[in-house]
Protein backbone atom coordinates (compact mmCIF):
# COMPACT_ATOMS: atom_id res chain seq x y z
CA MET A 1 10.76 8.61 -5.75
CA TYR A 2 13.71 6.25 -6.16
CA LEU A 3 16.17 8.71 -4.61
CA ASP A 4 13.70 9.40 -1.83
CA THR A 5 13.50 5.66 -1.13
CA LEU A 6 17.29 5.38 -0.98
CA TYR A 7 17.78 8.46 1.14
CA LYS A 8 14.97 7.80 3.60
CA ASN A 9 15.82 4.09 3.63
CA PHE A 10 12.23 2.93 3.16
CA LEU A 11 11.37 -0.72 3.19
CA LEU A 12 9.82 -1.78 -0.10
CA ALA A 13 7.04 -4.33 -0.35
CA ASP A 14 8.32 -6.88 -2.82
CA VAL A 15 4.90 -8.34 -3.52
CA ALA A 16 4.02 -9.52 -7.00
CA SER A 17 0.65 -8.48 -8.34
CA ASP A 18 -2.14 -11.06 -8.32
CA GLU A 19 -4.54 -10.34 -11.18
CA GLU A 20 -7.17 -12.81 -9.96
CA PHE A 21 -7.20 -11.24 -6.49
CA ARG A 22 -7.46 -7.76 -8.01
CA LYS A 23 -10.30 -8.81 -10.31
CA LYS A 24 -12.21 -10.26 -7.35
CA LEU A 25 -11.80 -7.02 -5.39
CA PHE A 26 -12.86 -4.86 -8.36
CA GLU A 27 -16.02 -6.98 -8.63
CA GLU A 28 -16.71 -6.59 -4.89
CA GLU A 29 -16.33 -2.82 -5.22
CA PHE A 30 -18.64 -2.74 -8.25
CA VAL A 31 -21.39 -4.61 -6.35
CA ASN A 32 -20.94 -2.68 -3.08
CA PRO A 33 -19.22 0.71 -3.64
CA GLY A 34 -17.05 1.81 -0.73
CA ILE A 35 -16.58 -1.67 0.73
CA LEU A 36 -12.86 -1.83 -0.07
CA TYR A 37 -12.15 1.52 1.57
CA GLN A 38 -14.03 0.36 4.67
CA ARG A 39 -12.00 -2.85 4.72
CA LEU A 40 -8.72 -0.95 4.35
CA SER A 41 -9.78 1.44 7.14
CA LEU A 42 -10.13 -1.53 9.48
CA ILE A 43 -6.90 -3.24 8.38
CA ASP A 44 -4.62 -0.23 7.90
CA PRO A 45 -6.16 3.06 9.09
CA GLN A 46 -2.91 4.94 8.53
CA GLU A 47 -2.84 4.05 4.83
CA ALA A 48 -6.58 4.60 4.40
CA GLU A 49 -6.20 8.10 5.81
CA LYS A 50 -3.78 8.95 2.98
CA LEU A 51 -6.07 7.68 0.21
CA HIS A 52 -9.27 9.03 -1.29
CA PRO A 53 -12.15 6.52 -1.01
CA HIS A 54 -12.41 6.48 -4.83
CA SER A 55 -8.71 5.61 -5.34
CA ILE A 56 -9.66 2.00 -5.92
CA ARG A 57 -6.39 0.98 -7.60
CA TYR A 58 -4.31 2.13 -4.61
CA ILE A 59 -6.76 0.67 -2.09
CA ILE A 60 -6.60 -2.69 -3.87
CA ARG A 61 -2.80 -2.61 -3.85
CA ALA A 62 -2.75 -1.95 -0.11
CA LEU A 63 -5.18 -4.84 0.45
CA GLU A 64 -3.11 -7.05 -1.84
CA ILE A 65 0.06 -6.35 0.16
CA PHE A 66 -1.77 -7.21 3.38
CA GLU A 67 -3.22 -10.39 1.87
CA LYS A 68 0.18 -11.62 0.66
CA THR A 69 2.41 -10.57 3.58
CA GLY A 70 0.10 -10.26 6.57
CA LYS A 71 1.60 -6.79 7.11
CA MET A 72 0.02 -3.42 6.47
CA LYS A 73 1.30 -1.31 3.59
CA SER A 74 2.11 1.45 6.07
CA PHE A 75 4.61 -0.95 7.69
CA PHE A 76 6.64 -0.95 4.47
CA VAL A 77 6.81 2.83 4.11
CA GLN A 78 8.26 3.56 7.50
CA ARG A 79 11.18 5.95 7.32
CA ARG A 80 14.37 4.61 8.85
CA LYS A 81 17.75 6.22 9.39
CA PRO A 82 19.97 6.11 6.29
CA ARG A 83 22.47 3.26 6.32
CA ARG A 84 25.26 5.56 5.17
CA PRO A 85 25.66 9.27 4.43
CA LEU A 86 24.36 10.39 1.06
CA LEU A 87 25.36 13.46 -0.95
CA MET A 88 22.85 14.42 -3.63
CA VAL A 89 23.98 16.85 -6.29
């Protein structure tokens, strides 16, 4: 994964985890199953398409990135041209 990130020159979301925010979202999901996946589908359909609706941990992380940066998680995983040639052995 690390080499892939270097080679494909992905942007990385440098967003610290927020345990209170995560706890709140877990509680919302417990009360109303599927609500977080629906929310992610509206905010970032490209990321939601990659995830299973029961992958709550990953859904919460995508929502957390959006909450903290105002940008979708899929924005941060866009592949860009490498900055310099890379030889992997």
